[in-house]
Amino acid sequence: MTTSDSLRYTRIPTHEAVTIPAVGFGTLIPDPHVTRQATRAALEAGFRHLDCAERYRNEAAVGEAMQDAFKAGTLRRQDLFVTTKLWNTNHRPERVRPAFDASRRRLQLDEIDCYIIHTPFAFQPGDEQDPRDASGHVIYDSGVTLAETWGALERLVDEGHCKSIGLSDITLAKLREIVEVARIRPAMVQVESHPYLPEWDLLADPVITAIAERLHKTSAQVALAWAVQRGTAFLTTSTNPRRIEENFDISTLPEDAMREMRDHITTNVRFNTVVETGVPGFIPRAG
């Protein structure tokens, strides 16, 4: 069993001989300057898994933070796992490689550890990330299938600059469609998953709070440890250095605590409707 000191360093193996650090830092932070500071703080705290995306519009700031650590000698590239994502407007196969190369340039990396299709929905191709019609409705692209986009990602792996590929915000039915036709199977599938789906700062379920008090941990630390112990990786985002350190400082929960969370938490609510629309509910539209 994983010891309390090593839980935060857990790595999840995949069928592609890739191991993914279970404790990941998400970089969805609107301000690039704050992104660079927060990413620096995350790396200093011990995070070795960074989750990025073309859609977040801040890959360059994440790249600068990584370069700061590389140049300071506090971080080696081989110790870091970097994920970034293909946005919905680039699903057509001919747009995949240029989008991937642009992300690499912004991140200042020769290789990406995992490249993910941000959502299974294709939007009208072009430079506008959030294409809308005159009525404000998203303009989807019926000229490409998810399987075709996946084939373009497979070719990135073949070419050597992408170690693994995956999917995000996808239903089980859609995932099965890809697995059936995939030559290279998904190494990572990102979905909304946690004990009962409220915002971390609003955790108030008596099961979680009682466990936290008993173990002298915060409610968020209990929920994050739960994620790793059930065999999944998590992503957490903050711009507060103290909170970033706290989110990395997780310890193994006793079996009775895991049992309590499994047996006594029954809430099942999804707040992010991206799986229905392709539009992440947590990304603000550019004004």
Protein backbone atom coordinates (compact mmCIF):
# COMPACT_ATOMS: atom_id res chain seq x y z
CA MET A 1 0.00 0.00 0.00
CA THR A 2 1.18 3.54 -0.77
CA THR A 3 2.63 5.25 2.30
CA SER A 4 1.46 8.67 3.41
CA ASP A 5 4.78 10.23 2.41
CA SER A 6 4.64 8.87 -1.13
CA LEU A 7 0.97 9.28 -2.09
CA ARG A 8 1.63 12.66 -3.68
CA TYR A 9 4.30 11.08 -5.90
CA THR A 10 2.02 8.32 -7.23
CA ARG A 11 2.32 7.67 -10.97
CA ILE A 12 -0.41 5.98 -13.03
CA PRO A 13 0.89 3.53 -15.68
CA THR A 14 -0.83 3.36 -19.08
CA HIS A 15 -0.88 0.70 -21.79
CA GLU A 16 1.47 2.88 -23.85
CA ALA A 17 4.33 2.41 -21.34
CA VAL A 18 3.78 5.98 -20.16
CA THR A 19 3.44 6.83 -16.47
CA ILE A 20 1.39 9.87 -15.52
CA PRO A 21 1.90 11.71 -12.21
CA ALA A 22 -1.41 11.42 -10.38
CA VAL A 23 -1.12 14.87 -8.80
CA GLY A 24 -1.55 17.41 -11.56
CA PHE A 25 -1.65 21.21 -11.68
CA GLY A 26 -4.23 22.73 -14.01
CA THR A 27 -3.26 25.98 -15.73
CA LEU A 28 -6.69 27.48 -16.48
CA ILE A 29 -5.76 30.91 -15.12
CA PRO A 30 -6.97 33.94 -17.12
CA ASP A 31 -4.06 36.33 -16.51
CA PRO A 32 -0.73 35.30 -18.14
CA HIS A 33 1.40 37.02 -15.48
CA VAL A 34 -0.48 35.25 -12.70
CA THR A 35 -0.23 32.00 -14.70
CA ARG A 36 3.56 32.26 -14.75
CA GLN A 37 3.70 32.95 -11.00
CA ALA A 38 1.26 30.16 -10.12
CA THR A 39 3.04 27.63 -12.34
CA ARG A 40 6.37 28.54 -10.75
CA ALA A 41 4.81 28.04 -7.30
CA ALA A 42 3.37 24.68 -8.38
CA LEU A 43 6.74 23.43 -9.61
CA GLU A 44 8.43 24.63 -6.42
CA ALA A 45 5.79 22.85 -4.34
CA GLY A 46 6.56 19.58 -6.13
CA PHE A 47 3.95 19.27 -8.90
CA ARG A 48 5.39 17.40 -11.87
CA HIS A 49 2.27 17.16 -14.03
CA LEU A 50 1.08 20.32 -15.80
CA ASP A 51 -2.22 20.39 -17.66
CA CYS A 52 -2.37 23.05 -20.39
CA ALA A 53 -4.57 23.87 -23.36
CA GLU A 54 -4.57 25.98 -26.50
CA ARG A 55 -7.98 27.28 -25.39
CA TYR A 56 -6.61 28.70 -22.13
CA ARG A 57 -4.63 31.28 -24.13
CA ASN A 58 -1.71 31.15 -21.68
CA GLU A 59 0.59 28.37 -22.90
CA ALA A 60 3.39 30.92 -23.41
CA ALA A 61 3.25 31.90 -19.72
CA VAL A 62 3.40 28.24 -18.67
CA GLY A 63 6.36 27.76 -21.00
CA GLU A 64 8.16 30.71 -19.42
CA ALA A 65 7.64 29.27 -15.93
CA MET A 66 9.05 25.91 -17.03
CA GLN A 67 12.04 27.58 -18.65
CA ASP A 68 12.67 29.55 -15.44
CA ALA A 69 12.90 26.26 -13.53
CA PHE A 70 15.04 24.57 -16.19
CA LYS A 71 17.51 27.46 -16.26
CA ALA A 72 17.66 27.62 -12.46
CA GLY A 73 18.58 23.93 -12.36
CA THR A 74 15.67 23.07 -10.08
CA LEU A 75 13.82 20.97 -12.66
CA ARG A 76 14.77 18.53 -15.41
CA ARG A 77 12.56 18.13 -18.46
CA GLN A 78 12.50 14.36 -18.07
CA ASP A 79 10.94 14.70 -14.61
CA LEU A 80 8.01 16.74 -15.91
CA PHE A 81 4.81 15.48 -17.58
CA VAL A 82 3.16 18.11 -19.78
CA THR A 83 -0.30 17.74 -21.28
CA THR A 84 -1.91 20.19 -23.67
CA LYS A 85 -5.06 20.08 -25.74
CA LEU A 86 -6.35 20.50 -29.28
CA TRP A 87 -9.19 23.00 -29.38
CA ASN A 88 -12.53 22.37 -31.10
CA THR A 89 -11.85 24.69 -34.05
CA ASN A 90 -8.87 22.56 -35.12
CA HIS A 91 -10.50 19.13 -35.45
CA ARG A 92 -10.04 18.88 -39.20
CA PRO A 93 -7.00 16.64 -39.82
CA GLU A 94 -5.11 19.28 -41.81
CA ARG A 95 -5.35 21.68 -38.85
CA VAL A 96 -4.12 19.25 -36.18
CA ARG A 97 -0.38 19.36 -36.87
CA PRO A 98 -0.20 23.18 -37.14
CA ALA A 99 -2.15 23.50 -33.86
CA PHE A 100 0.15 20.98 -32.15
CA ASP A 101 3.29 22.74 -33.40
CA ALA A 102 1.93 26.11 -32.24
CA SER A 103 1.37 24.71 -28.74
CA ARG A 104 4.92 23.32 -28.69
CA ARG A 105 6.32 26.72 -29.67
CA ARG A 106 4.35 28.54 -27.00
CA LEU A 107 5.33 25.99 -24.35
CA GLN A 108 8.96 26.03 -25.58
CA LEU A 109 9.06 22.23 -25.64
CA ASP A 110 10.30 19.86 -28.30
CA GLU A 111 8.04 17.04 -27.07
CA ILE A 112 4.57 16.94 -25.54
CA ASP A 113 3.96 14.07 -23.13
CA CYS A 114 0.25 13.84 -23.89
CA TYR A 115 -1.86 15.67 -26.49
CA ILE A 116 -5.58 15.59 -25.85
CA ILE A 117 -8.69 16.39 -27.89
CA HIS A 118 -10.21 19.05 -25.62
CA THR A 119 -13.80 18.01 -26.34
CA PRO A 120 -15.34 15.57 -28.86
CA PHE A 121 -17.19 18.47 -30.55
CA ALA A 122 -15.87 20.07 -33.75
CA PHE A 123 -16.50 23.81 -34.16
CA GLN A 124 -16.32 25.86 -37.34
CA PRO A 125 -12.61 25.91 -38.27
CA GLY A 126 -10.82 29.22 -38.04
CA ASP A 127 -9.05 31.60 -35.71
CA GLU A 128 -12.18 32.45 -33.68
CA GLN A 129 -12.13 29.96 -30.78
CA ASP A 130 -15.79 30.50 -29.92
CA PRO A 131 -17.62 30.80 -33.26
CA ARG A 132 -21.24 31.90 -32.89
CA ASP A 133 -24.05 32.66 -35.31
CA ALA A 134 -26.19 35.81 -35.25
CA SER A 135 -28.37 34.25 -32.54
CA GLY A 136 -25.41 33.48 -30.28
CA HIS A 137 -25.42 29.74 -30.92
CA VAL A 138 -22.18 27.79 -31.36
CA ILE A 139 -21.39 26.99 -35.00
CA TYR A 140 -20.45 23.30 -35.18
CA ASP A 141 -18.53 21.62 -38.01
CA SER A 142 -20.24 18.62 -39.59
CA GLY A 143 -17.40 18.15 -42.06
CA VAL A 144 -15.17 16.05 -39.80
CA THR A 145 -15.63 13.04 -37.54
CA LEU A 146 -13.96 12.45 -34.18
CA ALA A 147 -12.35 9.31 -35.63
CA GLU A 148 -10.69 11.42 -38.34
CA THR A 149 -9.34 13.82 -35.74
CA TRP A 150 -8.06 10.89 -33.69
CA GLY A 151 -6.24 9.54 -36.75
CA ALA A 152 -4.42 12.86 -37.09
CA LEU A 153 -3.32 12.63 -33.44
CA GLU A 154 -2.05 9.10 -34.04
CA ARG A 155 0.16 10.46 -36.82
CA LEU A 156 1.67 12.95 -34.34
CA VAL A 157 2.78 10.00 -32.20
CA ASP A 158 4.21 8.30 -35.30
CA GLU A 159 6.25 11.43 -36.09
CA GLY A 160 7.90 11.36 -32.67
CA HIS A 161 7.15 14.68 -30.97
CA CYS A 162 4.10 13.42 -29.09
CA LYS A 163 4.51 10.59 -26.59
CA SER A 164 0.84 9.78 -26.00
CA ILE A 165 -2.65 10.98 -26.89
CA GLY A 166 -5.99 11.18 -25.16
CA LEU A 167 -9.48 12.62 -24.90
CA SER A 168 -11.33 14.96 -22.56
CA ASP A 169 -14.94 15.64 -21.57
CA ILE A 170 -16.20 12.63 -23.48
CA THR A 171 -19.08 10.26 -22.81
CA LEU A 172 -18.51 6.53 -22.45
CA ALA A 173 -20.40 5.87 -25.69
CA LYS A 174 -18.19 8.26 -27.67
CA LEU A 175 -15.07 6.85 -26.03
CA ARG A 176 -16.04 3.34 -27.09
CA GLU A 177 -16.39 4.54 -30.69
CA ILE A 178 -12.79 5.73 -30.67
CA VAL A 179 -11.40 2.66 -28.89
CA GLU A 180 -13.02 0.45 -31.54
CA VAL A 181 -11.23 2.18 -34.42
CA ALA A 182 -8.05 3.41 -32.74
CA ARG A 183 -4.66 2.15 -33.86
CA ILE A 184 -3.17 3.91 -30.82
CA ARG A 185 -5.53 3.72 -27.86
CA PRO A 186 -6.11 6.68 -25.51
CA ALA A 187 -3.47 6.93 -22.78
CA MET A 188 -5.53 9.48 -20.86
CA VAL A 189 -9.22 10.32 -20.58
CA GLN A 190 -10.01 13.49 -18.61
CA VAL A 191 -13.49 13.68 -17.10
CA GLU A 192 -15.14 15.56 -14.27
CA SER A 193 -14.76 13.25 -11.29
CA HIS A 194 -14.61 13.80 -7.54
CA PRO A 195 -16.56 12.68 -4.48
CA TYR A 196 -19.70 14.69 -5.16
CA LEU A 197 -18.99 17.61 -7.48
CA PRO A 198 -19.33 20.95 -5.64
CA GLU A 199 -16.61 23.62 -5.84
CA TRP A 200 -13.61 22.72 -3.62
CA ASP A 201 -13.97 25.89 -1.52
CA LEU A 202 -17.60 25.02 -0.79
CA LEU A 203 -17.01 21.50 0.51
CA ALA A 204 -19.41 21.09 3.45
CA ASP A 205 -20.56 17.50 3.40
CA PRO A 206 -20.40 16.19 6.99
CA VAL A 207 -18.63 13.00 5.86
CA ILE A 208 -15.75 14.96 4.30
CA THR A 209 -15.48 17.55 7.07
CA ALA A 210 -15.53 14.89 9.81
CA ILE A 211 -12.74 12.94 8.10
CA ALA A 212 -10.73 16.15 7.62
CA GLU A 213 -11.03 17.09 11.28
CA ARG A 214 -10.09 13.59 12.40
CA LEU A 215 -6.97 13.48 10.20
CA HIS A 216 -5.96 17.13 10.73
CA LYS A 217 -6.27 17.79 7.01
CA THR A 218 -8.42 20.20 4.98
CA SER A 219 -11.55 19.01 3.21
CA ALA A 220 -9.85 19.62 -0.13
CA GLN A 221 -6.85 17.47 0.86
CA VAL A 222 -9.20 14.63 1.81
CA ALA A 223 -10.99 14.81 -1.53
CA LEU A 224 -7.73 14.95 -3.48
CA ALA A 225 -6.25 11.99 -1.60
CA TRP A 226 -9.48 10.09 -2.34
CA ALA A 227 -8.89 10.66 -6.06
CA VAL A 228 -5.37 9.20 -6.02
CA GLN A 229 -6.25 6.25 -3.79
CA ARG A 230 -9.04 5.14 -6.10
CA GLY A 231 -6.49 4.92 -8.93
CA THR A 232 -7.09 8.19 -10.77
CA ALA A 233 -5.03 11.30 -11.45
CA PHE A 234 -6.42 14.71 -10.54
CA LEU A 235 -5.92 18.30 -11.64
CA THR A 236 -6.20 21.21 -9.24
CA THR A 237 -5.71 24.90 -9.95
CA SER A 238 -4.94 27.84 -7.68
CA THR A 239 -3.08 31.15 -7.84
CA ASN A 240 -2.45 31.19 -4.09
CA PRO A 241 1.02 29.78 -3.22
CA ARG A 242 -0.17 28.53 0.18
CA ARG A 243 -3.14 26.73 -1.41
CA ILE A 244 -0.90 25.27 -4.12
CA GLU A 245 1.40 23.79 -1.45
CA GLU A 246 -1.62 22.54 0.50
CA ASN A 247 -3.04 20.79 -2.58
CA PHE A 248 0.24 18.93 -3.07
CA ASP A 249 0.53 18.00 0.62
CA ILE A 250 -1.82 15.01 0.57
CA SER A 251 -1.54 11.81 2.60
CA THR A 252 -3.06 8.35 2.35
CA LEU A 253 -6.53 8.10 3.86
CA PRO A 254 -7.27 5.21 6.25
CA GLU A 255 -9.44 2.45 4.81
CA ASP A 256 -12.33 3.40 7.09
CA ALA A 257 -12.31 6.94 5.66
CA MET A 258 -12.39 5.61 2.09
CA ARG A 259 -15.27 3.34 3.09
CA GLU A 260 -17.19 6.24 4.62
CA MET A 261 -16.84 8.29 1.45
CA ARG A 262 -17.91 5.35 -0.72
CA ASP A 263 -20.90 4.37 1.39
CA HIS A 264 -22.24 7.65 2.74
CA ILE A 265 -21.80 10.26 0.00
CA THR A 266 -24.69 10.01 -2.44
CA THR A 267 -24.67 13.42 -4.15
CA ASN A 268 -24.34 13.16 -7.94
CA VAL A 269 -24.38 16.55 -9.69
CA ARG A 270 -22.56 17.70 -12.85
CA PHE A 271 -21.87 21.43 -13.10
CA ASN A 272 -19.86 21.56 -16.35
CA THR A 273 -22.10 21.01 -19.39
CA VAL A 274 -19.17 20.64 -21.79
CA VAL A 275 -20.02 16.98 -22.43
CA GLU A 276 -23.32 18.13 -23.95
CA THR A 277 -22.18 21.19 -25.92
CA GLY A 278 -18.41 21.17 -26.35
CA VAL A 279 -18.30 24.56 -24.63
CA PRO A 280 -16.46 24.34 -21.27
CA GLY A 281 -18.54 26.10 -18.67
CA PHE A 282 -15.46 27.33 -16.81
CA ILE A 283 -13.73 29.21 -19.67
CA PRO A 284 -14.89 32.84 -19.97
CA ARG A 285 -15.66 34.08 -23.44
CA ALA A 286 -13.37 36.76 -24.79
CA GLY A 287 -15.11 40.11 -24.51
